[in-house]
PDB file of N, CA and C in Angstrom:
ATOM      1  N   MET A   1       0.782  -0.782  -0.263  1.00  0.00           N
ATOM      2  CA  MET A   1       0.103   0.182  -0.176  1.00  0.00           C
ATOM      3  C   MET A   1       0.933   1.393   0.261  1.00  0.00           C
ATOM      4  N   SER A   2       0.566   2.170  -0.752  1.00  0.00           N
ATOM      5  CA  SER A   2       1.484   3.144  -1.189  1.00  0.00           C
ATOM      6  C   SER A   2       0.495   4.392  -0.427  1.00  0.00           C
ATOM      7  N   HIS A   3       1.427   5.489   0.076  1.00  0.00           N
ATOM      8  CA  HIS A   3       0.664   6.678   0.454  1.00  0.00           C
ATOM      9  C   HIS A   3       1.825   7.994  -0.184  1.00  0.00           C
ATOM     10  N   ALA A   4       0.532   9.159  -0.396  1.00  0.00           N
ATOM     11  CA  ALA A   4       0.652   9.699  -1.113  1.00  0.00           C
ATOM     12  C   ALA A   4       1.405  10.915  -0.041  1.00  0.00           C
ATOM     13  N   VAL A   5       2.325  11.617  -0.398  1.00  0.00           N
ATOM     14  CA  VAL A   5       2.856  12.501   0.503  1.00  0.00           C
ATOM     15  C   VAL A   5       2.352  13.865   0.017  1.00  0.00           C
ATOM     16  N   GLU A   6       1.921  14.882   0.565  1.00  0.00           N
ATOM     17  CA  GLU A   6       1.042  15.958   0.493  1.00  0.00           C
ATOM     18  C   GLU A   6       2.038  17.018   0.357  1.00  0.00           C
ATOM     19  N   SER A   7       2.275  17.732  -0.493  1.00  0.00           N
ATOM     20  CA  SER A   7       2.865  18.771  -0.742  1.00  0.00           C
ATOM     21  C   SER A   7       2.753  19.952   0.234  1.00  0.00           C
ATOM     22  N   PRO A   8       3.206  20.425   1.675  1.00  0.00           N
ATOM     23  CA  PRO A   8       2.910  21.319   2.455  1.00  0.00           C
ATOM     24  C   PRO A   8       2.207  22.983   1.720  1.00  0.00           C
ATOM     25  N   SER A   9       1.780  23.506   1.731  1.00  0.00           N
ATOM     26  CA  SER A   9       1.228  24.791   1.284  1.00  0.00           C
ATOM     27  C   SER A   9       0.762  25.596   2.614  1.00  0.00           C
ATOM     28  N   VAL A  10       0.478  26.829   2.155  1.00  0.00           N
ATOM     29  CA  VAL A  10       0.072  27.867   2.850  1.00  0.00           C
ATOM     30  C   VAL A  10      -1.246  28.686   2.387  1.00  0.00           C
ATOM     31  N   GLU A  11      -2.008  29.208   3.054  1.00  0.00           N
ATOM     32  CA  GLU A  11      -2.913  29.663   1.988  1.00  0.00           C
ATOM     33  C   GLU A  11      -3.338  30.602   3.102  1.00  0.00           C
ATOM     34  N   GLU A  12      -3.623  32.242   2.674  1.00  0.00           N
ATOM     35  CA  GLU A  12      -4.361  33.037   3.821  1.00  0.00           C
ATOM     36  C   GLU A  12      -5.496  33.912   2.938  1.00  0.00           C
ATOM     37  N   HIS A  13      -6.138  34.418   3.257  1.00  0.00           N
ATOM     38  CA  HIS A  13      -7.193  35.071   3.064  1.00  0.00           C
ATOM     39  C   HIS A  13      -7.007  36.421   3.297  1.00  0.00           C
ATOM     40  N   ALA A  14      -7.110  37.778   2.339  1.00  0.00           N
ATOM     41  CA  ALA A  14      -6.974  38.808   2.704  1.00  0.00           C
ATOM     42  C   ALA A  14      -7.629  39.680   1.765  1.00  0.00           C
ATOM     43  N   LYS A  15      -8.238  40.904   2.206  1.00  0.00           N
ATOM     44  CA  LYS A  15      -8.891  42.029   1.527  1.00  0.00           C
ATOM     45  C   LYS A  15      -8.038  42.889   0.784  1.00  0.00           C
ATOM     46  N   ALA A  16      -8.542  42.978  -0.864  1.00  0.00           N
ATOM     47  CA  ALA A  16      -7.630  44.008  -0.956  1.00  0.00           C
ATOM     48  C   ALA A  16      -8.389  44.863  -2.144  1.00  0.00           C
ATOM     49  N   ARG A  17      -7.784  46.186  -2.173  1.00  0.00           N
ATOM     50  CA  ARG A  17      -8.442  47.372  -2.580  1.00  0.00           C
ATOM     51  C   ARG A  17      -7.934  47.535  -3.993  1.00  0.00           C
ATOM     52  N   ILE A  18      -8.929  47.504  -5.090  1.00  0.00           N
ATOM     53  CA  ILE A  18      -8.614  47.778  -6.321  1.00  0.00           C
ATOM     54  C   ILE A  18      -8.378  49.013  -6.716  1.00  0.00           C
ATOM     55  N   ILE A  19      -7.296  49.920  -6.799  1.00  0.00           N
ATOM     56  CA  ILE A  19      -7.071  51.246  -6.895  1.00  0.00           C
ATOM     57  C   ILE A  19      -7.245  51.411  -8.278  1.00  0.00           C
ATOM     58  N   ASN A  20      -8.318  52.758  -8.958  1.00  0.00           N
ATOM     59  CA  ASN A  20      -8.596  53.387 -10.265  1.00  0.00           C
ATOM     60  C   ASN A  20      -9.375  54.812 -10.007  1.00  0.00           C
ATOM     61  N   ASP A  21      -9.307  54.841 -11.087  1.00  0.00           N
ATOM     62  CA  ASP A  21      -9.497  56.274 -11.522  1.00  0.00           C
ATOM     63  C   ASP A  21     -10.615  56.607 -10.961  1.00  0.00           C
ATOM     64  N   ALA A  22     -11.961  55.834 -10.493  1.00  0.00           N
ATOM     65  CA  ALA A  22     -12.984  55.916  -9.699  1.00  0.00           C
ATOM     66  C   ALA A  22     -12.984  56.644  -8.378  1.00  0.00           C
ATOM     67  N   PRO A  23     -14.099  56.724  -8.165  1.00  0.00           N
ATOM     68  CA  PRO A  23     -13.949  57.954  -6.834  1.00  0.00           C
ATOM     69  C   PRO A  23     -14.332  57.024  -5.367  1.00  0.00           C
ATOM     70  N   HIS A  24     -14.585  55.599  -5.780  1.00  0.00           N
ATOM     71  CA  HIS A  24     -14.492  54.664  -4.666  1.00  0.00           C
ATOM     72  C   HIS A  24     -13.493  53.515  -5.310  1.00  0.00           C
ATOM     73  N   TYR A  25     -13.304  53.495  -4.415  1.00  0.00           N
ATOM     74  CA  TYR A  25     -12.593  52.116  -4.261  1.00  0.00           C
ATOM     75  C   TYR A  25     -13.417  50.578  -4.279  1.00  0.00           C
ATOM     76  N   ARG A  26     -12.896  49.599  -4.887  1.00  0.00           N
ATOM     77  CA  ARG A  26     -13.633  48.286  -4.554  1.00  0.00           C
ATOM     78  C   ARG A  26     -12.978  47.584  -3.968  1.00  0.00           C
ATOM     79  N   SER A  27     -13.348  46.759  -2.934  1.00  0.00           N
ATOM     80  CA  SER A  27     -12.725  45.597  -2.096  1.00  0.00           C
ATOM     81  C   SER A  27     -12.594  44.247  -2.339  1.00  0.00           C
ATOM     82  N   VAL A  28     -11.914  43.300  -2.729  1.00  0.00           N
ATOM     83  CA  VAL A  28     -11.994  42.131  -3.326  1.00  0.00           C
ATOM     84  C   VAL A  28     -11.301  40.945  -2.204  1.00  0.00           C
ATOM     85  N   PRO A  29     -11.566  40.145  -2.401  1.00  0.00           N
ATOM     86  CA  PRO A  29     -11.037  39.202  -1.303  1.00  0.00           C
ATOM     87  C   PRO A  29     -10.384  38.469  -2.203  1.00  0.00           C
ATOM     88  N   VAL A  30      -9.015  38.276  -1.911  1.00  0.00           N
ATOM     89  CA  VAL A  30      -7.468  37.528  -2.381  1.00  0.00           C
ATOM     90  C   VAL A  30      -7.309  36.390  -1.474  1.00  0.00           C
ATOM     91  N   ALA A  31      -7.007  35.412  -1.992  1.00  0.00           N
ATOM     92  CA  ALA A  31      -6.311  34.415  -1.479  1.00  0.00           C
ATOM     93  C   ALA A  31      -4.670  34.325  -1.501  1.00  0.00           C
ATOM     94  N   LEU A  32      -3.831  34.445  -0.954  1.00  0.00           N
ATOM     95  CA  LEU A  32      -2.495  34.318  -0.959  1.00  0.00           C
ATOM     96  C   LEU A  32      -2.311  33.039  -0.653  1.00  0.00           C
ATOM     97  N   ARG A  33      -1.405  32.710  -1.639  1.00  0.00           N
ATOM     98  CA  ARG A  33      -0.990  31.088  -1.697  1.00  0.00           C
ATOM     99  C   ARG A  33       0.540  31.017  -1.872  1.00  0.00           C
ATOM    100  N   TYR A  34       1.139  29.831  -0.861  1.00  0.00           N
ATOM    101  CA  TYR A  34       2.406  29.528  -1.111  1.00  0.00           C
ATOM    102  C   TYR A  34       2.364  27.871  -1.428  1.00  0.00           C
ATOM    103  N   GLU A  35       2.991  27.250  -2.147  1.00  0.00           N
ATOM    104  CA  GLU A  35       3.243  26.037  -2.543  1.00  0.00           C
ATOM    105  C   GLU A  35       4.421  25.457  -3.062  1.00  0.00           C
ATOM    106  N   PRO A  36       4.980  25.130  -1.969  1.00  0.00           N
ATOM    107  CA  PRO A  36       6.780  24.722  -2.377  1.00  0.00           C
ATOM    108  C   PRO A  36       6.759  23.780  -3.119  1.00  0.00           C
ATOM    109  N   GLY A  37       6.381  22.858  -3.154  1.00  0.00           N
ATOM    110  CA  GLY A  37       5.919  21.627  -4.009  1.00  0.00           C
ATOM    111  C   GLY A  37       5.627  21.789  -5.576  1.00  0.00           C
ATOM    112  N   ARG A  38       5.382  23.047  -5.593  1.00  0.00           N
ATOM    113  CA  ARG A  38       4.595  23.745  -7.150  1.00  0.00           C
ATOM    114  C   ARG A  38       5.941  24.452  -7.507  1.00  0.00           C
ATOM    115  N   ASP A  39       6.550  25.640  -6.249  1.00  0.00           N
ATOM    116  CA  ASP A  39       7.405  26.323  -6.954  1.00  0.00           C
ATOM    117  C   ASP A  39       8.040  27.110  -5.377  1.00  0.00           C
ATOM    118  N   PRO A  40       9.067  26.644  -4.910  1.00  0.00           N
ATOM    119  CA  PRO A  40       9.333  27.267  -3.520  1.00  0.00           C
ATOM    120  C   PRO A  40       9.935  28.588  -3.342  1.00  0.00           C
ATOM    121  N   ASP A  41      10.107  29.327  -4.578  1.00  0.00           N
ATOM    122  CA  ASP A  41      10.213  30.827  -4.810  1.00  0.00           C
ATOM    123  C   ASP A  41       9.256  31.744  -4.658  1.00  0.00           C
ATOM    124  N   ALA A  42       7.829  31.128  -4.854  1.00  0.00           N
ATOM    125  CA  ALA A  42       6.725  31.491  -5.493  1.00  0.00           C
ATOM    126  C   ALA A  42       5.766  31.519  -4.437  1.00  0.00           C
ATOM    127  N   VAL A  43       4.947  32.848  -4.382  1.00  0.00           N
ATOM    128  CA  VAL A  43       3.971  33.063  -3.613  1.00  0.00           C
ATOM    129  C   VAL A  43       2.566  33.517  -4.652  1.00  0.00           C
ATOM    130  N   ARG A  44       1.662  33.284  -4.644  1.00  0.00           N
ATOM    131  CA  ARG A  44       0.340  33.678  -5.334  1.00  0.00           C
ATOM    132  C   ARG A  44      -1.017  34.172  -5.229  1.00  0.00           C
ATOM    133  N   CYS A  45      -0.943  35.273  -5.791  1.00  0.00           N
ATOM    134  CA  CYS A  45      -2.255  36.131  -5.425  1.00  0.00           C
ATOM    135  C   CYS A  45      -3.732  35.527  -6.490  1.00  0.00           C
ATOM    136  N   VAL A  46      -4.815  35.509  -5.872  1.00  0.00           N
ATOM    137  CA  VAL A  46      -5.895  34.478  -7.002  1.00  0.00           C
ATOM    138  C   VAL A  46      -6.817  35.212  -6.175  1.00  0.00           C
ATOM    139  N   PHE A  47      -7.341  36.018  -7.259  1.00  0.00           N
ATOM    140  CA  PHE A  47      -8.363  36.767  -7.531  1.00  0.00           C
ATOM    141  C   PHE A  47      -9.880  36.366  -7.718  1.00  0.00           C
ATOM    142  N   PRO A  48     -10.912  36.587  -7.074  1.00  0.00           N
ATOM    143  CA  PRO A  48     -11.931  35.760  -7.546  1.00  0.00           C
ATOM    144  C   PRO A  48     -12.282  35.645  -8.682  1.00  0.00           C
ATOM    145  N   SER A  49     -11.664  36.427  -9.842  1.00  0.00           N
ATOM    146  CA  SER A  49     -12.127  36.161 -11.039  1.00  0.00           C
ATOM    147  C   SER A  49     -11.832  35.009 -11.980  1.00  0.00           C
ATOM    148  N   GLY A  50     -10.597  34.227 -11.135  1.00  0.00           N
ATOM    149  CA  GLY A  50      -9.856  33.339 -11.625  1.00  0.00           C
ATOM    150  C   GLY A  50      -8.003  33.947 -11.937  1.00  0.00           C
ATOM    151  N   ILE A  51      -7.925  34.975 -12.116  1.00  0.00           N
ATOM    152  CA  ILE A  51      -6.923  35.258 -12.242  1.00  0.00           C
ATOM    153  C   ILE A  51      -6.263  35.708 -11.472  1.00  0.00           C
ATOM    154  N   GLU A  52      -4.569  34.761 -11.600  1.00  0.00           N
ATOM    155  CA  GLU A  52      -4.028  34.347 -10.854  1.00  0.00           C
ATOM    156  C   GLU A  52      -2.527  35.179 -11.037  1.00  0.00           C
ATOM    157  N   TRP A  53      -1.476  35.638 -10.104  1.00  0.00           N
ATOM    158  CA  TRP A  53      -0.133  36.037 -10.409  1.00  0.00           C
ATOM    159  C   TRP A  53       0.507  35.640  -9.474  1.00  0.00           C
ATOM    160  N   ALA A  54       1.924  35.232  -9.919  1.00  0.00           N
ATOM    161  CA  ALA A  54       2.841  34.394  -9.321  1.00  0.00           C
ATOM    162  C   ALA A  54       3.851  35.134  -9.316  1.00  0.00           C
ATOM    163  N   PHE A  55       4.888  35.532  -8.029  1.00  0.00           N
ATOM    164  CA  PHE A  55       5.499  36.016  -8.396  1.00  0.00           C
ATOM    165  C   PHE A  55       6.829  35.448  -7.058  1.00  0.00           C
ATOM    166  N   ARG A  56       8.106  36.088  -7.185  1.00  0.00           N
ATOM    167  CA  ARG A  56       8.445  35.484  -6.178  1.00  0.00           C
ATOM    168  C   ARG A  56       8.891  36.004  -4.856  1.00  0.00           C
ATOM    169  N   ARG A  57       8.615  35.029  -3.848  1.00  0.00           N
ATOM    170  CA  ARG A  57       8.418  35.511  -2.306  1.00  0.00           C
ATOM    171  C   ARG A  57       9.190  36.600  -1.683  1.00  0.00           C
ATOM    172  N   GLU A  58      10.448  36.590  -2.105  1.00  0.00           N
ATOM    173  CA  GLU A  58      11.461  37.435  -1.624  1.00  0.00           C
ATOM    174  C   GLU A  58      11.116  38.728  -2.003  1.00  0.00           C
ATOM    175  N   LEU A  59      10.408  39.303  -3.126  1.00  0.00           N
ATOM    176  CA  LEU A  59       9.617  40.762  -3.858  1.00  0.00           C
ATOM    177  C   LEU A  59       8.776  40.871  -2.850  1.00  0.00           C
ATOM    178  N   LEU A  60       8.057  40.319  -2.392  1.00  0.00           N
ATOM    179  CA  LEU A  60       6.804  40.573  -1.322  1.00  0.00           C
ATOM    180  C   LEU A  60       7.792  41.054   0.000  1.00  0.00           C
ATOM    181  N   GLU A  61       8.681  40.341   0.171  1.00  0.00           N
ATOM    182  CA  GLU A  61       9.376  40.293   1.680  1.00  0.00           C
ATOM    183  C   GLU A  61      10.173  42.003   1.810  1.00  0.00           C
ATOM    184  N   THR A  62      10.531  41.741   0.296  1.00  0.00           N
ATOM    185  CA  THR A  62      11.416  43.099   0.342  1.00  0.00           C
ATOM    186  C   THR A  62      10.568  44.311  -0.186  1.00  0.00           C
ATOM    187  N   GLY A  63       9.462  44.157  -0.993  1.00  0.00           N
ATOM    188  CA  GLY A  63       8.521  45.364  -0.856  1.00  0.00           C
ATOM    189  C   GLY A  63       7.464  45.964   0.072  1.00  0.00           C
ATOM    190  N   LEU A  64       7.700  45.095   1.298  1.00  0.00           N
ATOM    191  CA  LEU A  64       7.132  45.636   2.620  1.00  0.00           C
ATOM    192  C   LEU A  64       7.855  46.812   2.922  1.00  0.00           C
ATOM    193  N   ARG A  65       8.967  47.037   2.796  1.00  0.00           N
ATOM    194  CA  ARG A  65       9.887  47.690   3.573  1.00  0.00           C
ATOM    195  C   ARG A  65      10.747  49.167   2.410  1.00  0.00           C
ATOM    196  N   ALA A  66      10.529  48.979   1.036  1.00  0.00           N
ATOM    197  CA  ALA A  66      11.461  49.452   0.216  1.00  0.00           C
ATOM    198  C   ALA A  66      10.587  49.205  -1.209  1.00  0.00           C
ATOM    199  N   PRO A  67      10.501  50.429  -2.071  1.00  0.00           N
ATOM    200  CA  PRO A  67      10.143  49.856  -3.473  1.00  0.00           C
ATOM    201  C   PRO A  67      11.080  48.636  -4.039  1.00  0.00           C
ATOM    202  N   ALA A  68       9.912  47.328  -4.523  1.00  0.00           N
ATOM    203  CA  ALA A  68      10.983  46.457  -5.619  1.00  0.00           C
ATOM    204  C   ALA A  68      10.202  46.334  -6.800  1.00  0.00           C
ATOM    205  N   ARG A  69      10.976  45.663  -7.597  1.00  0.00           N
ATOM    206  CA  ARG A  69      10.521  45.701  -8.741  1.00  0.00           C
ATOM    207  C   ARG A  69      11.559  44.238  -9.716  1.00  0.00           C
ATOM    208  N   ARG A  70      10.275  43.017  -9.992  1.00  0.00           N
ATOM    209  CA  ARG A  70      10.703  42.025 -10.558  1.00  0.00           C
ATOM    210  C   ARG A  70       9.556  41.689 -11.445  1.00  0.00           C
ATOM    211  N   GLY A  71      10.564  41.934 -12.787  1.00  0.00           N
ATOM    212  CA  GLY A  71       9.531  41.668 -14.186  1.00  0.00           C
ATOM    213  C   GLY A  71       8.517  42.441 -14.105  1.00  0.00           C
ATOM    214  N   PRO A  72       6.985  41.982 -14.185  1.00  0.00           N
ATOM    215  CA  PRO A  72       6.014  42.762 -14.091  1.00  0.00           C
ATOM    216  C   PRO A  72       5.038  42.831 -12.986  1.00  0.00           C
ATOM    217  N   VAL A  73       5.945  42.830 -11.655  1.00  0.00           N
ATOM    218  CA  VAL A  73       5.515  43.186 -10.628  1.00  0.00           C
ATOM    219  C   VAL A  73       6.309  43.969  -9.673  1.00  0.00           C
ATOM    220  N   SER A  74       5.679  45.048  -9.274  1.00  0.00           N
ATOM    221  CA  SER A  74       6.534  45.794  -8.702  1.00  0.00           C
ATOM    222  C   SER A  74       5.528  45.646  -7.202  1.00  0.00           C
ATOM    223  N   VAL A  75       6.140  46.176  -6.047  1.00  0.00           N
ATOM    224  CA  VAL A  75       5.772  45.913  -4.540  1.00  0.00           C
ATOM    225  C   VAL A  75       6.349  47.187  -4.005  1.00  0.00           C
ATOM    226  N   TRP A  76       5.415  48.005  -3.100  1.00  0.00           N
ATOM    227  CA  TRP A  76       6.130  48.917  -2.368  1.00  0.00           C
ATOM    228  C   TRP A  76       5.303  49.635  -1.112  1.00  0.00           C
ATOM    229  N   PRO A  77       6.038  49.753   0.113  1.00  0.00           N
ATOM    230  CA  PRO A  77       5.023  50.300   1.101  1.00  0.00           C
ATOM    231  C   PRO A  77       4.298  51.305   0.757  1.00  0.00           C
ATOM    232  N   CYS A  78       3.321  51.587   1.491  1.00  0.00           N
ATOM    233  CA  CYS A  78       2.239  52.988   1.305  1.00  0.00           C
ATOM    234  C   CYS A  78       2.163  53.131   2.938  1.00  0.00           C
ATOM    235  N   GLY A  79       2.954  54.223   3.145  1.00  0.00           N
ATOM    236  CA  GLY A  79       2.150  54.398   4.824  1.00  0.00           C
ATOM    237  C   GLY A  79       3.010  53.294   5.678  1.00  0.00           C
ATOM    238  N   ARG A  80       2.184  53.497   6.969  1.00  0.00           N
ATOM    239  CA  ARG A  80       2.712  52.451   7.573  1.00  0.00           C
ATOM    240  C   ARG A  80       2.120  51.211   7.699  1.00  0.00           C
ATOM    241  N   ALA A  81       1.110  51.257   7.236  1.00  0.00           N
ATOM    242  CA  ALA A  81       0.220  49.906   7.175  1.00  0.00           C
ATOM    243  C   ALA A  81      -0.426  49.342   6.331  1.00  0.00           C
ATOM    244  N   GLN A  82       0.065  49.633   4.971  1.00  0.00           N
ATOM    245  CA  GLN A  82      -0.364  49.650   3.793  1.00  0.00           C
ATOM    246  C   GLN A  82       0.552  48.963   2.839  1.00  0.00           C
ATOM    247  N   VAL A  83       0.340  48.265   1.796  1.00  0.00           N
ATOM    248  CA  VAL A  83       1.038  47.825   0.408  1.00  0.00           C
ATOM    249  C   VAL A  83       0.756  48.098  -0.653  1.00  0.00           C
ATOM    250  N   ILE A  84       1.399  48.603  -1.536  1.00  0.00           N
ATOM    251  CA  ILE A  84       0.780  48.178  -3.034  1.00  0.00           C
ATOM    252  C   ILE A  84       1.329  46.988  -3.837  1.00  0.00           C
ATOM    253  N   VAL A  85       0.970  46.527  -4.440  1.00  0.00           N
ATOM    254  CA  VAL A  85       0.746  45.390  -5.591  1.00  0.00           C
ATOM    255  C   VAL A  85       0.737  45.952  -6.918  1.00  0.00           C
ATOM    256  N   GLU A  86       1.384  46.168  -7.735  1.00  0.00           N
ATOM    257  CA  GLU A  86       1.031  46.641  -9.017  1.00  0.00           C
ATOM    258  C   GLU A  86       1.730  45.323  -9.983  1.00  0.00           C
ATOM    259  N   PHE A  87       0.629  45.098 -10.737  1.00  0.00           N
ATOM    260  CA  PHE A  87       0.682  44.174 -11.800  1.00  0.00           C
ATOM    261  C   PHE A  87       0.669  44.485 -13.245  1.00  0.00           C
ATOM    262  N   HIS A  88       1.603  44.072 -14.154  1.00  0.00           N
ATOM    263  CA  HIS A  88       1.807  44.790 -15.633  1.00  0.00           C
ATOM    264  C   HIS A  88       1.441  43.371 -16.148  1.00  0.00           C
ATOM    265  N   SER A  89       0.511  43.636 -17.433  1.00  0.00           N
ATOM    266  CA  SER A  89       0.548  42.591 -18.150  1.00  0.00           C
ATOM    267  C   SER A  89       0.046  43.416 -20.090  1.00  0.00           C
ATOM    268  N   PRO A  90       0.040  42.607 -20.782  1.00  0.00           N
ATOM    269  CA  PRO A  90      -0.372  43.366 -21.917  1.00  0.00           C
ATOM    270  C   PRO A  90      -1.534  44.096 -22.170  1.00  0.00           C
ATOM    271  N   GLY A  91      -2.616  43.670 -21.004  1.00  0.00           N
ATOM    272  CA  GLY A  91      -3.891  44.110 -21.224  1.00  0.00           C
ATOM    273  C   GLY A  91      -4.124  45.399 -20.392  1.00  0.00           C
ATOM    274  N   GLY A  92      -3.219  45.726 -19.523  1.00  0.00           N
ATOM    275  CA  GLY A  92      -2.806  46.619 -18.952  1.00  0.00           C
ATOM    276  C   GLY A  92      -2.223  46.895 -17.580  1.00  0.00           C
ATOM    277  N   VAL A  93      -2.614  47.350 -16.582  1.00  0.00           N
ATOM    278  CA  VAL A  93      -1.975  47.263 -15.212  1.00  0.00           C
ATOM    279  C   VAL A  93      -2.949  47.577 -13.993  1.00  0.00           C
ATOM    280  N   ALA A  94      -2.697  46.732 -13.218  1.00  0.00           N
ATOM    281  CA  ALA A  94      -3.851  46.590 -11.893  1.00  0.00           C
ATOM    282  C   ALA A  94      -2.859  47.008 -10.680  1.00  0.00           C
ATOM    283  N   VAL A  95      -3.506  47.822 -10.215  1.00  0.00           N
ATOM    284  CA  VAL A  95      -2.905  48.401  -9.034  1.00  0.00           C
ATOM    285  C   VAL A  95      -3.539  48.080  -7.777  1.00  0.00           C
ATOM    286  N   ILE A  96      -3.434  47.039  -6.709  1.00  0.00           N
ATOM    287  CA  ILE A  96      -3.861  46.708  -5.541  1.00  0.00           C
ATOM    288  C   ILE A  96      -3.402  47.053  -4.382  1.00  0.00           C
ATOM    289  N   GLN A  97      -3.811  47.264  -3.089  1.00  0.00           N
ATOM    290  CA  GLN A  97      -3.782  47.696  -1.946  1.00  0.00           C
ATOM    291  C   GLN A  97      -3.791  46.864  -1.231  1.00  0.00           C
ATOM    292  N   PHE A  98      -2.850  46.764  -0.165  1.00  0.00           N
ATOM    293  CA  PHE A  98      -3.515  45.705   0.622  1.00  0.00           C
ATOM    294  C   PHE A  98      -2.920  46.176   2.312  1.00  0.00           C
ATOM    295  N   ASP A  99      -3.669  45.445   3.406  1.00  0.00           N
ATOM    296  CA  ASP A  99      -3.248  46.209   4.550  1.00  0.00           C
ATOM    297  C   ASP A  99      -1.825  45.070   4.956  1.00  0.00           C
ATOM    298  N   THR A 100      -0.792  45.432   5.388  1.00  0.00           N
ATOM    299  CA  THR A 100       0.235  44.694   5.577  1.00  0.00           C
ATOM    300  C   THR A 100      -0.060  43.673   6.638  1.00  0.00           C
ATOM    301  N   ARG A 101      -0.560  43.738   7.407  1.00  0.00           N
ATOM    302  CA  ARG A 101      -0.705  42.723   8.540  1.00  0.00           C
ATOM    303  C   ARG A 101      -0.580  41.394   7.546  1.00  0.00           C
ATOM    304  N   PRO A 102      -2.170  41.334   6.654  1.00  0.00           N
ATOM    305  CA  PRO A 102      -1.841  39.742   6.594  1.00  0.00           C
ATOM    306  C   PRO A 102      -0.975  39.284   5.625  1.00  0.00           C
ATOM    307  N   LEU A 103      -0.341  40.203   5.161  1.00  0.00           N
ATOM    308  CA  LEU A 103       1.156  39.979   3.976  1.00  0.00           C
ATOM    309  C   LEU A 103       2.046  39.322   5.364  1.00  0.00           C
ATOM    310  N   VAL A 104       2.445  39.949   6.074  1.00  0.00           N
ATOM    311  CA  VAL A 104       3.217  39.822   7.322  1.00  0.00           C
ATOM    312  C   VAL A 104       3.059  38.417   8.004  1.00  0.00           C
ATOM    313  N   ARG A 105       1.730  38.172   8.476  1.00  0.00           N
ATOM    314  CA  ARG A 105       1.324  36.764   8.566  1.00  0.00           C
ATOM    315  C   ARG A 105       1.807  35.989   7.729  1.00  0.00           C
ATOM    316  N   PHE A 106       1.459  35.884   5.947  1.00  0.00           N
ATOM    317  CA  PHE A 106       1.541  35.118   5.129  1.00  0.00           C
ATOM    318  C   PHE A 106       2.660  34.880   5.226  1.00  0.00           C
ATOM    319  N   LEU A 107       3.963  35.921   4.968  1.00  0.00           N
ATOM    320  CA  LEU A 107       5.163  35.250   5.151  1.00  0.00           C
ATOM    321  C   LEU A 107       5.216  34.837   5.915  1.00  0.00           C
ATOM    322  N   ARG A 108       5.216  34.729   7.416  1.00  0.00           N
ATOM    323  CA  ARG A 108       5.879  34.215   8.442  1.00  0.00           C
ATOM    324  C   ARG A 108       5.394  32.783   8.338  1.00  0.00           C
ATOM    325  N   ARG A 109       4.047  32.244   8.095  1.00  0.00           N
ATOM    326  CA  ARG A 109       3.419  30.940   7.861  1.00  0.00           C
ATOM    327  C   ARG A 109       4.239  30.015   6.876  1.00  0.00           C
ATOM    328  N   THR A 110       4.870  30.723   5.737  1.00  0.00           N
ATOM    329  CA  THR A 110       5.289  30.629   4.442  1.00  0.00           C
ATOM    330  C   THR A 110       7.013  29.815   4.962  1.00  0.00           C
ATOM    331  N   TYR A 111       7.390  30.761   5.915  1.00  0.00           N
ATOM    332  CA  TYR A 111       8.904  30.320   6.400  1.00  0.00           C
ATOM    333  C   TYR A 111       8.880  29.417   7.540  1.00  0.00           C
ATOM    334  N   ALA A 112       7.462  29.261   8.032  1.00  0.00           N
ATOM    335  CA  ALA A 112       7.602  28.369   9.237  1.00  0.00           C
ATOM    336  C   ALA A 112       7.135  26.792   8.482  1.00  0.00           C
ATOM    337  N   GLU A 113       6.141  26.905   7.650  1.00  0.00           N
ATOM    338  CA  GLU A 113       5.912  25.705   7.107  1.00  0.00           C
ATOM    339  C   GLU A 113       7.065  25.318   6.055  1.00  0.00           C
ATOM    340  N   VAL A 114       8.135  25.722   5.830  1.00  0.00           N
ATOM    341  CA  VAL A 114       8.991  25.525   4.715  1.00  0.00           C
ATOM    342  C   VAL A 114      10.258  24.839   6.324  1.00  0.00           C
ATOM    343  N   ALA A 115      10.059  25.426   7.119  1.00  0.00           N
ATOM    344  CA  ALA A 115      11.055  25.298   8.564  1.00  0.00           C
ATOM    345  C   ALA A 115      10.469  24.008   9.153  1.00  0.00           C
ATOM    346  N   ALA A 116       9.521  23.291   9.003  1.00  0.00           N
ATOM    347  CA  ALA A 116       9.052  22.330   9.532  1.00  0.00           C
ATOM    348  C   ALA A 116       9.053  21.039   8.664  1.00  0.00           C
ATOM    349  N   PRO A 117       9.097  19.778   9.184  1.00  0.00           N
ATOM    350  CA  PRO A 117       9.686  18.694   8.553  1.00  0.00           C
ATOM    351  C   PRO A 117       8.366  18.215   7.851  1.00  0.00           C
ATOM    352  N   ALA A 118       8.529  17.684   6.780  1.00  0.00           N
ATOM    353  CA  ALA A 118       7.499  17.062   5.615  1.00  0.00           C
ATOM    354  C   ALA A 118       7.622  16.015   6.110  1.00  0.00           C
ATOM    355  N   THR A 119       6.391  15.595   7.427  1.00  0.00           N
ATOM    356  CA  THR A 119       5.744  14.255   7.872  1.00  0.00           C
ATOM    357  C   THR A 119       4.239  14.113   7.013  1.00  0.00           C
ATOM    358  N   ARG A 120       3.848  14.749   6.370  1.00  0.00           N
ATOM    359  CA  ARG A 120       2.624  14.428   5.971  1.00  0.00           C
ATOM    360  C   ARG A 120       2.417  13.050   5.516  1.00  0.00           C
ATOM    361  N   VAL A 121       1.579  12.373   5.697  1.00  0.00           N
ATOM    362  CA  VAL A 121       1.663  11.272   4.700  1.00  0.00           C
ATOM    363  C   VAL A 121      -0.426  11.139   4.714  1.00  0.00           C
TER     364      VAL A 121
END
């Protein structure tokens, strides 16, 4: 009898504000995912529409403290309690604002998951 070993993963839910020219912002739920079995260097932002952006976990961590960019994704602090994530694609630019706390909590959980031994069966 064989047992499949499930890859560790972390998922955190956060509210994000889509920044645009409208006078009122729109808040959407975003799933933050980390799946080291899939890609140990990447984190994913999954939006309700099914759109998913993957980028380096290191970029998110650096962007919490200072402006950072890698390829089509930029991250920078916005005041003391918020972070901006900007996604560029051929279809345009999406600018998303997050509260910092859920992102920090998510990153801590990703590092804790990697440090824990993979003994799941």
